[in-house]
C-alpha atoms as a PDB file:
ATOM      1  CA  UNK A   1      15.834 -19.945   0.969  1.00  0.00           C
ATOM      2  CA  UNK A   2      18.379 -18.160  -1.230  1.00  0.00           C
ATOM      3  CA  UNK A   3      17.318 -14.964  -2.980  1.00  0.00           C
ATOM      4  CA  UNK A   4      16.997 -15.089  -6.757  1.00  0.00           C
ATOM      5  CA  UNK A   5      18.431 -12.102  -8.595  1.00  0.00           C
ATOM      6  CA  UNK A   6      18.461 -10.803 -12.132  1.00  0.00           C
ATOM      7  CA  UNK A   7      20.645  -7.792 -12.751  1.00  0.00           C
ATOM      8  CA  UNK A   8      20.668  -7.025  -9.030  1.00  0.00           C
ATOM      9  CA  UNK A   9      16.856  -7.156  -8.874  1.00  0.00           C
ATOM     10  CA  UNK A  10      15.064  -9.625  -6.607  1.00  0.00           C
ATOM     11  CA  UNK A  11      13.031 -11.818  -9.018  1.00  0.00           C
ATOM     12  CA  UNK A  12      12.107 -14.745  -6.798  1.00  0.00           C
ATOM     13  CA  UNK A  13       8.494 -14.766  -8.044  1.00  0.00           C
ATOM     14  CA  UNK A  14       9.624 -16.258 -11.371  1.00  0.00           C
ATOM     15  CA  UNK A  15      10.433 -19.564  -9.615  1.00  0.00           C
ATOM     16  CA  UNK A  16       6.991 -19.949  -7.991  1.00  0.00           C
ATOM     17  CA  UNK A  17       4.210 -22.102  -9.452  1.00  0.00           C
ATOM     18  CA  UNK A  18       0.744 -20.876 -10.392  1.00  0.00           C
ATOM     19  CA  UNK A  19      -0.901 -22.126  -7.194  1.00  0.00           C
ATOM     20  CA  UNK A  20       1.626 -20.194  -5.111  1.00  0.00           C
ATOM     21  CA  UNK A  21       1.196 -17.105  -7.306  1.00  0.00           C
ATOM     22  CA  UNK A  22      -2.594 -17.392  -7.003  1.00  0.00           C
ATOM     23  CA  UNK A  23      -2.445 -17.595  -3.208  1.00  0.00           C
ATOM     24  CA  UNK A  24      -0.072 -14.637  -3.060  1.00  0.00           C
ATOM     25  CA  UNK A  25      -2.368 -12.766  -5.469  1.00  0.00           C
ATOM     26  CA  UNK A  26      -5.310 -13.135  -3.087  1.00  0.00           C
ATOM     27  CA  UNK A  27      -3.180 -12.073  -0.120  1.00  0.00           C
ATOM     28  CA  UNK A  28      -1.727  -9.131  -2.065  1.00  0.00           C
ATOM     29  CA  UNK A  29      -5.147  -7.948  -3.226  1.00  0.00           C
ATOM     30  CA  UNK A  30      -6.669  -8.064   0.249  1.00  0.00           C
ATOM     31  CA  UNK A  31      -3.714  -6.741   2.247  1.00  0.00           C
ATOM     32  CA  UNK A  32      -2.850  -3.926  -0.196  1.00  0.00           C
ATOM     33  CA  UNK A  33      -6.033  -2.029   0.621  1.00  0.00           C
ATOM     34  CA  UNK A  34      -6.332  -2.924   4.296  1.00  0.00           C
ATOM     35  CA  UNK A  35      -4.079  -1.115   6.816  1.00  0.00           C
ATOM     36  CA  UNK A  36      -1.933  -4.223   7.351  1.00  0.00           C
ATOM     37  CA  UNK A  37       0.777  -3.910   4.634  1.00  0.00           C
ATOM     38  CA  UNK A  38       0.754  -6.081   1.528  1.00  0.00           C
ATOM     39  CA  UNK A  39       4.553  -5.855   1.182  1.00  0.00           C
ATOM     40  CA  UNK A  40       4.980  -7.342   4.641  1.00  0.00           C
ATOM     41  CA  UNK A  41       2.570 -10.174   3.873  1.00  0.00           C
ATOM     42  CA  UNK A  42       4.422 -10.918   0.627  1.00  0.00           C
ATOM     43  CA  UNK A  43       7.471 -11.460   2.827  1.00  0.00           C
ATOM     44  CA  UNK A  44       5.792 -13.176   5.796  1.00  0.00           C
ATOM     45  CA  UNK A  45       3.592 -15.767   4.047  1.00  0.00           C
ATOM     46  CA  UNK A  46       6.361 -17.277   1.855  1.00  0.00           C
ATOM     47  CA  UNK A  47       8.644 -17.411   4.927  1.00  0.00           C
ATOM     48  CA  UNK A  48       6.000 -19.278   6.958  1.00  0.00           C
ATOM     49  CA  UNK A  49       5.267 -21.714   4.128  1.00  0.00           C
ATOM     50  CA  UNK A  50       8.888 -22.236   3.128  1.00  0.00           C
ATOM     51  CA  UNK A  51       8.411 -20.688  -0.318  1.00  0.00           C
ATOM     52  CA  UNK A  52      10.817 -18.555  -2.285  1.00  0.00           C
ATOM     53  CA  UNK A  53      10.553 -14.857  -1.379  1.00  0.00           C
ATOM     54  CA  UNK A  54       8.814 -13.328  -4.453  1.00  0.00           C
ATOM     55  CA  UNK A  55      10.794 -10.118  -4.024  1.00  0.00           C
ATOM     56  CA  UNK A  56       9.922  -6.452  -3.616  1.00  0.00           C
ATOM     57  CA  UNK A  57       9.658  -5.907  -7.381  1.00  0.00           C
ATOM     58  CA  UNK A  58       6.782  -8.413  -7.480  1.00  0.00           C
ATOM     59  CA  UNK A  59       5.017  -6.637  -4.607  1.00  0.00           C
ATOM     60  CA  UNK A  60       5.379  -3.229  -6.256  1.00  0.00           C
ATOM     61  CA  UNK A  61       4.229  -4.421  -9.683  1.00  0.00           C
ATOM     62  CA  UNK A  62       1.247  -6.210  -8.136  1.00  0.00           C
ATOM     63  CA  UNK A  63       0.054  -2.893  -6.712  1.00  0.00           C
ATOM     64  CA  UNK A  64      -1.450  -2.274 -10.143  1.00  0.00           C
ATOM     65  CA  UNK A  65      -4.193  -4.680  -9.047  1.00  0.00           C
ATOM     66  CA  UNK A  66      -5.107  -2.266  -6.265  1.00  0.00           C
ATOM     67  CA  UNK A  67      -5.134   0.537  -8.822  1.00  0.00           C
ATOM     68  CA  UNK A  68      -7.741  -1.308 -10.882  1.00  0.00           C
ATOM     69  CA  UNK A  69      -9.867  -1.958  -7.793  1.00  0.00           C
ATOM     70  CA  UNK A  70      -9.730   1.632  -6.521  1.00  0.00           C
ATOM     71  CA  UNK A  71     -10.554   3.056  -9.965  1.00  0.00           C
ATOM     72  CA  UNK A  72     -13.534   0.692 -10.265  1.00  0.00           C
ATOM     73  CA  UNK A  73     -14.867   1.401  -6.774  1.00  0.00           C
ATOM     74  CA  UNK A  74     -14.332   5.185  -6.817  1.00  0.00           C
ATOM     75  CA  UNK A  75     -15.070   5.738 -10.506  1.00  0.00           C
ATOM     76  CA  UNK A  76     -17.720   8.385  -9.787  1.00  0.00           C
ATOM     77  CA  UNK A  77     -15.347  10.311  -7.492  1.00  0.00           C
ATOM     78  CA  UNK A  78     -12.605  10.152 -10.103  1.00  0.00           C
ATOM     79  CA  UNK A  79     -14.944  11.469 -12.797  1.00  0.00           C
ATOM     80  CA  UNK A  80     -15.954  14.350 -10.534  1.00  0.00           C
ATOM     81  CA  UNK A  81     -12.352  15.199  -9.660  1.00  0.00           C
ATOM     82  CA  UNK A  82     -11.302  15.231 -13.328  1.00  0.00           C
ATOM     83  CA  UNK A  83     -14.453  16.972 -14.552  1.00  0.00           C
ATOM     84  CA  UNK A  84     -14.440  19.488 -11.711  1.00  0.00           C
ATOM     85  CA  UNK A  85     -10.781  20.309 -12.307  1.00  0.00           C
ATOM     86  CA  UNK A  86     -11.300  20.869 -16.029  1.00  0.00           C
ATOM     87  CA  UNK A  87     -14.315  23.074 -15.320  1.00  0.00           C
ATOM     88  CA  UNK A  88     -12.440  25.028 -12.626  1.00  0.00           C
ATOM     89  CA  UNK A  89      -9.490  25.731 -14.935  1.00  0.00           C
ATOM     90  CA  UNK A  90     -11.742  26.641 -17.844  1.00  0.00           C
ATOM     91  CA  UNK A  91     -13.883  28.984 -15.750  1.00  0.00           C
ATOM     92  CA  UNK A  92     -11.003  30.095 -13.497  1.00  0.00           C
ATOM     93  CA  UNK A  93     -13.062  29.070 -10.494  1.00  0.00           C
ATOM     94  CA  UNK A  94     -10.362  27.775  -8.193  1.00  0.00           C
ATOM     95  CA  UNK A  95     -12.748  27.515  -5.253  1.00  0.00           C
ATOM     96  CA  UNK A  96     -14.269  24.435  -6.890  1.00  0.00           C
ATOM     97  CA  UNK A  97     -14.066  21.657  -4.211  1.00  0.00           C
ATOM     98  CA  UNK A  98     -13.118  19.001  -6.757  1.00  0.00           C
ATOM     99  CA  UNK A  99     -10.280  21.183  -8.049  1.00  0.00           C
ATOM    100  CA  UNK A 100      -9.088  21.622  -4.460  1.00  0.00           C
ATOM    101  CA  UNK A 101      -9.163  17.856  -3.971  1.00  0.00           C
ATOM    102  CA  UNK A 102      -7.119  17.340  -7.149  1.00  0.00           C
ATOM    103  CA  UNK A 103      -4.510  19.838  -5.934  1.00  0.00           C
ATOM    104  CA  UNK A 104      -4.451  18.133  -2.535  1.00  0.00           C
ATOM    105  CA  UNK A 105      -3.819  14.726  -4.133  1.00  0.00           C
ATOM    106  CA  UNK A 106      -1.015  16.094  -6.332  1.00  0.00           C
ATOM    107  CA  UNK A 107       0.621  17.882  -3.405  1.00  0.00           C
ATOM    108  CA  UNK A 108       0.388  14.810  -1.175  1.00  0.00           C
ATOM    109  CA  UNK A 109       1.948  12.605  -3.871  1.00  0.00           C
ATOM    110  CA  UNK A 110       5.157  14.638  -4.205  1.00  0.00           C
ATOM    111  CA  UNK A 111       6.885  13.373  -1.008  1.00  0.00           C
ATOM    112  CA  UNK A 112       6.598   9.671  -1.867  1.00  0.00           C
ATOM    113  CA  UNK A 113       7.757  10.285  -5.448  1.00  0.00           C
ATOM    114  CA  UNK A 114      10.935  11.943  -4.202  1.00  0.00           C
ATOM    115  CA  UNK A 115      11.563   9.344  -1.490  1.00  0.00           C
ATOM    116  CA  UNK A 116      10.722   6.427  -3.793  1.00  0.00           C
ATOM    117  CA  UNK A 117      13.268   7.512  -6.395  1.00  0.00           C
ATOM    118  CA  UNK A 118      15.908   8.124  -3.734  1.00  0.00           C
ATOM    119  CA  UNK A 119      15.414   4.768  -1.992  1.00  0.00           C
ATOM    120  CA  UNK A 120      14.708   2.587  -5.058  1.00  0.00           C
ATOM    121  CA  UNK A 121      18.197   0.983  -5.133  1.00  0.00           C
ATOM    122  CA  UNK A 122      17.834  -0.083  -1.488  1.00  0.00           C
ATOM    123  CA  UNK A 123      14.170  -1.141  -1.668  1.00  0.00           C
ATOM    124  CA  UNK A 124      14.553  -3.442  -4.689  1.00  0.00           C
ATOM    125  CA  UNK A 125      18.028  -4.744  -3.934  1.00  0.00           C
ATOM    126  CA  UNK A 126      18.526  -8.448  -3.329  1.00  0.00           C
ATOM    127  CA  UNK A 127      18.551  -9.192   0.417  1.00  0.00           C
ATOM    128  CA  UNK A 128      17.398  -5.656   1.233  1.00  0.00           C
ATOM    129  CA  UNK A 129      17.674  -5.141   5.017  1.00  0.00           C
ATOM    130  CA  UNK A 130      14.285  -3.407   4.979  1.00  0.00           C
ATOM    131  CA  UNK A 131      12.623  -6.740   4.115  1.00  0.00           C
ATOM    132  CA  UNK A 132      13.956  -8.485   7.218  1.00  0.00           C
ATOM    133  CA  UNK A 133      11.255 -10.124   9.346  1.00  0.00           C
ATOM    134  CA  UNK A 134      12.634  -8.557  12.522  1.00  0.00           C
ATOM    135  CA  UNK A 135      12.330  -5.108  10.932  1.00  0.00           C
ATOM    136  CA  UNK A 136       8.782  -5.881   9.783  1.00  0.00           C
ATOM    137  CA  UNK A 137       7.823  -7.114  13.244  1.00  0.00           C
ATOM    138  CA  UNK A 138       9.095  -3.933  14.881  1.00  0.00           C
ATOM    139  CA  UNK A 139       7.348  -1.728  12.331  1.00  0.00           C
ATOM    140  CA  UNK A 140       4.099  -3.641  12.884  1.00  0.00           C
ATOM    141  CA  UNK A 141       4.215  -2.838  16.594  1.00  0.00           C
ATOM    142  CA  UNK A 142       5.009   0.848  16.014  1.00  0.00           C
ATOM    143  CA  UNK A 143       2.102   1.244  13.579  1.00  0.00           C
ATOM    144  CA  UNK A 144      -0.248  -0.609  15.942  1.00  0.00           C
ATOM    145  CA  UNK A 145       0.611   1.890  18.683  1.00  0.00           C
ATOM    146  CA  UNK A 146       0.169   4.916  16.402  1.00  0.00           C
ATOM    147  CA  UNK A 147      -3.176   3.686  15.080  1.00  0.00           C
ATOM    148  CA  UNK A 148      -4.326   2.944  18.634  1.00  0.00           C
ATOM    149  CA  UNK A 149      -3.374   6.454  19.784  1.00  0.00           C
ATOM    150  CA  UNK A 150      -5.320   7.966  16.873  1.00  0.00           C
ATOM    151  CA  UNK A 151      -8.389   5.989  17.908  1.00  0.00           C
ATOM    152  CA  UNK A 152      -8.101   6.946  21.578  1.00  0.00           C
ATOM    153  CA  UNK A 153      -7.258  10.640  21.311  1.00  0.00           C
ATOM    154  CA  UNK A 154      -8.883  11.996  18.129  1.00  0.00           C
ATOM    155  CA  UNK A 155     -12.458  13.121  17.502  1.00  0.00           C
ATOM    156  CA  UNK A 156     -13.028  11.834  13.922  1.00  0.00           C
ATOM    157  CA  UNK A 157     -15.504  14.561  12.951  1.00  0.00           C
ATOM    158  CA  UNK A 158     -14.060  16.197   9.808  1.00  0.00           C
ATOM    159  CA  UNK A 159     -15.075  15.447   6.215  1.00  0.00           C
ATOM    160  CA  UNK A 160     -12.941  15.474   3.088  1.00  0.00           C
ATOM    161  CA  UNK A 161     -14.551  18.771   2.000  1.00  0.00           C
ATOM    162  CA  UNK A 162     -12.866  20.375   5.041  1.00  0.00           C
ATOM    163  CA  UNK A 163      -9.381  19.242   4.036  1.00  0.00           C
ATOM    164  CA  UNK A 164      -6.758  21.976   3.760  1.00  0.00           C
ATOM    165  CA  UNK A 165      -3.561  21.774   1.714  1.00  0.00           C
ATOM    166  CA  UNK A 166      -1.607  21.505   4.963  1.00  0.00           C
ATOM    167  CA  UNK A 167      -3.625  18.396   5.871  1.00  0.00           C
ATOM    168  CA  UNK A 168      -2.945  16.860   2.469  1.00  0.00           C
ATOM    169  CA  UNK A 169       0.793  17.494   2.795  1.00  0.00           C
ATOM    170  CA  UNK A 170       0.884  15.871   6.250  1.00  0.00           C
ATOM    171  CA  UNK A 171      -0.909  12.781   4.927  1.00  0.00           C
ATOM    172  CA  UNK A 172       1.435  12.754   1.919  1.00  0.00           C
ATOM    173  CA  UNK A 173       4.512  12.828   4.149  1.00  0.00           C
ATOM    174  CA  UNK A 174       3.034   9.969   6.176  1.00  0.00           C
ATOM    175  CA  UNK A 175       2.631   8.009   2.943  1.00  0.00           C
ATOM    176  CA  UNK A 176       6.437   7.959   2.555  1.00  0.00           C
ATOM    177  CA  UNK A 177       6.540   5.484   5.436  1.00  0.00           C
ATOM    178  CA  UNK A 178       4.788   2.959   3.198  1.00  0.00           C
ATOM    179  CA  UNK A 179       8.107   2.387   1.419  1.00  0.00           C
ATOM    180  CA  UNK A 180       9.149   0.381   4.492  1.00  0.00           C
ATOM    181  CA  UNK A 181       7.588  -3.116   4.510  1.00  0.00           C
ATOM    182  CA  UNK A 182       5.155  -3.410   7.392  1.00  0.00           C
ATOM    183  CA  UNK A 183       4.038   0.225   7.487  1.00  0.00           C
ATOM    184  CA  UNK A 184       1.297  -0.066   4.808  1.00  0.00           C
ATOM    185  CA  UNK A 185       0.412   2.744   2.409  1.00  0.00           C
ATOM    186  CA  UNK A 186      -3.249   2.701   3.379  1.00  0.00           C
ATOM    187  CA  UNK A 187      -2.292   2.250   7.036  1.00  0.00           C
ATOM    188  CA  UNK A 188       0.072   5.222   7.139  1.00  0.00           C
ATOM    189  CA  UNK A 189      -2.267   7.593   5.299  1.00  0.00           C
ATOM    190  CA  UNK A 190      -5.330   6.405   7.218  1.00  0.00           C
ATOM    191  CA  UNK A 191      -3.538   6.882  10.540  1.00  0.00           C
ATOM    192  CA  UNK A 192      -2.358  10.375   9.595  1.00  0.00           C
ATOM    193  CA  UNK A 193      -5.867  11.382   8.493  1.00  0.00           C
ATOM    194  CA  UNK A 194      -7.332  10.035  11.743  1.00  0.00           C
ATOM    195  CA  UNK A 195      -4.819  12.114  13.715  1.00  0.00           C
ATOM    196  CA  UNK A 196      -6.167  15.112  11.782  1.00  0.00           C
ATOM    197  CA  UNK A 197      -9.635  14.267  13.147  1.00  0.00           C
ATOM    198  CA  UNK A 198     -11.193  13.025   9.895  1.00  0.00           C
ATOM    199  CA  UNK A 199     -14.040  10.544  10.073  1.00  0.00           C
ATOM    200  CA  UNK A 200     -12.845   6.973   9.557  1.00  0.00           C
ATOM    201  CA  UNK A 201     -14.669   6.446   6.259  1.00  0.00           C
ATOM    202  CA  UNK A 202     -13.568   9.883   5.010  1.00  0.00           C
ATOM    203  CA  UNK A 203      -9.963   9.149   5.989  1.00  0.00           C
ATOM    204  CA  UNK A 204     -10.142   5.860   4.070  1.00  0.00           C
ATOM    205  CA  UNK A 205     -11.714   7.557   1.049  1.00  0.00           C
ATOM    206  CA  UNK A 206      -8.937  10.148   0.831  1.00  0.00           C
ATOM    207  CA  UNK A 207      -6.340   7.441   1.455  1.00  0.00           C
ATOM    208  CA  UNK A 208      -7.550   5.447  -1.537  1.00  0.00           C
ATOM    209  CA  UNK A 209      -7.871   8.431  -3.874  1.00  0.00           C
ATOM    210  CA  UNK A 210      -4.443   9.684  -2.791  1.00  0.00           C
ATOM    211  CA  UNK A 211      -3.015   6.259  -3.545  1.00  0.00           C
ATOM    212  CA  UNK A 212      -3.987   6.349  -7.230  1.00  0.00           C
ATOM    213  CA  UNK A 213      -1.036   8.369  -8.594  1.00  0.00           C
ATOM    214  CA  UNK A 214       1.457   6.804  -6.157  1.00  0.00           C
ATOM    215  CA  UNK A 215       0.384   3.248  -7.000  1.00  0.00           C
ATOM    216  CA  UNK A 216       0.288   3.973 -10.741  1.00  0.00           C
ATOM    217  CA  UNK A 217       3.747   5.579 -10.774  1.00  0.00           C
ATOM    218  CA  UNK A 218       5.299   2.850  -8.602  1.00  0.00           C
ATOM    219  CA  UNK A 219       3.714   0.067 -10.644  1.00  0.00           C
ATOM    220  CA  UNK A 220       4.710   1.519 -14.012  1.00  0.00           C
ATOM    221  CA  UNK A 221       8.243   2.140 -12.784  1.00  0.00           C
ATOM    222  CA  UNK A 222       8.475  -1.454 -11.581  1.00  0.00           C
ATOM    223  CA  UNK A 223       7.223  -2.822 -14.893  1.00  0.00           C
ATOM    224  CA  UNK A 224       9.877  -0.731 -16.621  1.00  0.00           C
ATOM    225  CA  UNK A 225      12.564  -2.161 -14.324  1.00  0.00           C
ATOM    226  CA  UNK A 226      11.297  -5.721 -14.819  1.00  0.00           C
ATOM    227  CA  UNK A 227      11.242  -5.245 -18.589  1.00  0.00           C
ATOM    228  CA  UNK A 228      15.011  -4.728 -18.410  1.00  0.00           C
ATOM    229  CA  UNK A 229      15.640  -7.575 -15.959  1.00  0.00           C
ATOM    230  CA  UNK A 230      15.319 -10.466 -18.442  1.00  0.00           C
ATOM    231  CA  UNK A 231      12.774 -12.377 -16.359  1.00  0.00           C
ATOM    232  CA  UNK A 232      11.516 -14.365 -19.348  1.00  0.00           C
ATOM    233  CA  UNK A 233       8.066 -15.137 -20.712  1.00  0.00           C
ATOM    234  CA  UNK A 234       7.106 -17.392 -17.797  1.00  0.00           C
ATOM    235  CA  UNK A 235       7.867 -14.630 -15.307  1.00  0.00           C
ATOM    236  CA  UNK A 236       5.550 -12.253 -17.173  1.00  0.00           C
ATOM    237  CA  UNK A 237       2.839 -14.921 -17.246  1.00  0.00           C
ATOM    238  CA  UNK A 238       3.165 -15.273 -13.473  1.00  0.00           C
ATOM    239  CA  UNK A 239       2.767 -11.524 -13.055  1.00  0.00           C
ATOM    240  CA  UNK A 240      -0.291 -11.404 -15.321  1.00  0.00           C
ATOM    241  CA  UNK A 241      -1.953 -14.291 -13.491  1.00  0.00           C
ATOM    242  CA  UNK A 242      -1.211 -12.758 -10.108  1.00  0.00           C
ATOM    243  CA  UNK A 243      -2.576  -9.382 -11.196  1.00  0.00           C
ATOM    244  CA  UNK A 244      -5.918 -10.851 -12.260  1.00  0.00           C
ATOM    245  CA  UNK A 245      -6.355 -12.713  -8.968  1.00  0.00           C
ATOM    246  CA  UNK A 246      -5.204  -9.724  -6.915  1.00  0.00           C
ATOM    247  CA  UNK A 247      -7.537  -7.305  -8.748  1.00  0.00           C
ATOM    248  CA  UNK A 248     -10.611  -9.359  -7.894  1.00  0.00           C
ATOM    249  CA  UNK A 249      -9.501  -9.768  -4.282  1.00  0.00           C
ATOM    250  CA  UNK A 250      -8.691  -6.051  -3.953  1.00  0.00           C
ATOM    251  CA  UNK A 251     -12.136  -4.957  -5.109  1.00  0.00           C
ATOM    252  CA  UNK A 252     -13.860  -7.057  -2.451  1.00  0.00           C
ATOM    253  CA  UNK A 253     -11.344  -5.833   0.139  1.00  0.00           C
ATOM    254  CA  UNK A 254     -12.025  -2.165  -0.549  1.00  0.00           C
ATOM    255  CA  UNK A 255     -15.792  -2.734  -0.545  1.00  0.00           C
ATOM    256  CA  UNK A 256     -15.583  -4.564   2.770  1.00  0.00           C
ATOM    257  CA  UNK A 257     -13.297  -1.986   4.391  1.00  0.00           C
ATOM    258  CA  UNK A 258     -15.478   0.983   3.431  1.00  0.00           C
ATOM    259  CA  UNK A 259     -18.591  -0.744   4.791  1.00  0.00           C
ATOM    260  CA  UNK A 260     -16.707  -1.719   7.956  1.00  0.00           C
ATOM    261  CA  UNK A 261     -15.368   1.762   8.709  1.00  0.00           C
ATOM    262  CA  UNK A 262     -18.830   3.289   8.320  1.00  0.00           C
ATOM    263  CA  UNK A 263     -19.870   1.395  11.469  1.00  0.00           C
ATOM    264  CA  UNK A 264     -16.782   0.292  13.372  1.00  0.00           C
ATOM    265  CA  UNK A 265     -13.322   1.462  14.468  1.00  0.00           C
ATOM    266  CA  UNK A 266      -9.894   0.245  13.350  1.00  0.00           C
ATOM    267  CA  UNK A 267      -9.280  -1.744  16.553  1.00  0.00           C
ATOM    268  CA  UNK A 268      -9.392  -5.171  14.818  1.00  0.00           C
ATOM    269  CA  UNK A 269      -6.478  -4.035  12.617  1.00  0.00           C
ATOM    270  CA  UNK A 270      -4.625  -2.661  15.641  1.00  0.00           C
ATOM    271  CA  UNK A 271      -4.919  -5.998  17.459  1.00  0.00           C
ATOM    272  CA  UNK A 272      -3.916  -7.911  14.320  1.00  0.00           C
ATOM    273  CA  UNK A 273      -0.832  -5.742  13.855  1.00  0.00           C
ATOM    274  CA  UNK A 274       0.213  -6.041  17.498  1.00  0.00           C
ATOM    275  CA  UNK A 275      -0.196  -9.833  17.615  1.00  0.00           C
ATOM    276  CA  UNK A 276       1.602 -10.407  14.307  1.00  0.00           C
ATOM    277  CA  UNK A 277       4.388  -7.999  15.266  1.00  0.00           C
ATOM    278  CA  UNK A 278       5.030  -9.803  18.555  1.00  0.00           C
ATOM    279  CA  UNK A 279       4.908 -13.176  16.812  1.00  0.00           C
ATOM    280  CA  UNK A 280       7.479 -12.142  14.193  1.00  0.00           C
ATOM    281  CA  UNK A 281       9.883 -10.754  16.774  1.00  0.00           C
ATOM    282  CA  UNK A 282       9.588 -13.893  18.936  1.00  0.00           C
ATOM    283  CA  UNK A 283       9.829 -16.228  15.922  1.00  0.00           C
ATOM    284  CA  UNK A 284      13.007 -14.568  14.649  1.00  0.00           C
ATOM    285  CA  UNK A 285      14.523 -14.378  18.135  1.00  0.00           C
ATOM    286  CA  UNK A 286      13.833 -18.102  18.738  1.00  0.00           C
ATOM    287  CA  UNK A 287      15.156 -19.037  15.308  1.00  0.00           C
ATOM    288  CA  UNK A 288      11.804 -20.306  14.021  1.00  0.00           C
ATOM    289  CA  UNK A 289      11.985 -17.888  11.103  1.00  0.00           C
ATOM    290  CA  UNK A 290      14.988 -16.259   9.373  1.00  0.00           C
ATOM    291  CA  UNK A 291      15.727 -12.662  10.296  1.00  0.00           C
END
């Protein structure tokens, strides 16, 4: 299906109906916080169902739903980070663990901010090559292998209190990969933290807290871009509806993932990624799906 553009921005979501937006909202909310890439699913599902590609701007703006879910779920942690940082600065006690966590989050956010600004014209462009299903399929396989290696070779014994600034920077650099559809922000940061021997639930916790500034900045930037793209009142209504549905879905997704990782490994996500990656590559090669 042809890409819809407004001022060079992919705005395909404006042509979808509310049922389609609602379905994509559920998928976005769930896949944004699981290590399976929401951006990829926003490309894959419409392609399978023959719908208009909603576009990367829609995916980025809808990340604000994940922001609402993470803030709600980790509200106590956020209060402690903010309160601990204020107390540390006021008392000049820079050994405060919550202050250290705040610094780690800020440091780890810098790489994706720089890369996001540099790659924005390519990421949001109509017919961006990075949104090709063959590219997504290949990325899915690569991430499945990396996550599998982290499960097989790492000890998973460290807690977030043991995180050093070097660890935070490594996870932050890994987060840059999330700009490529199929990598997954939570998947890239979770995998990096697992390679650093963090416990699964601790790796997920840092991944979600780290995602707050990145998701907020990306979402606000995308809303700013959309505000200048003349998408019309109906387009904004679609976004609002999708955000509500995605927020509810995201909260249940984060609750389920945290409970899951307390008891189990990430192997179900590894298998899912590998199977979907192979399917996409075969489907594009056979001509069942567009490249």
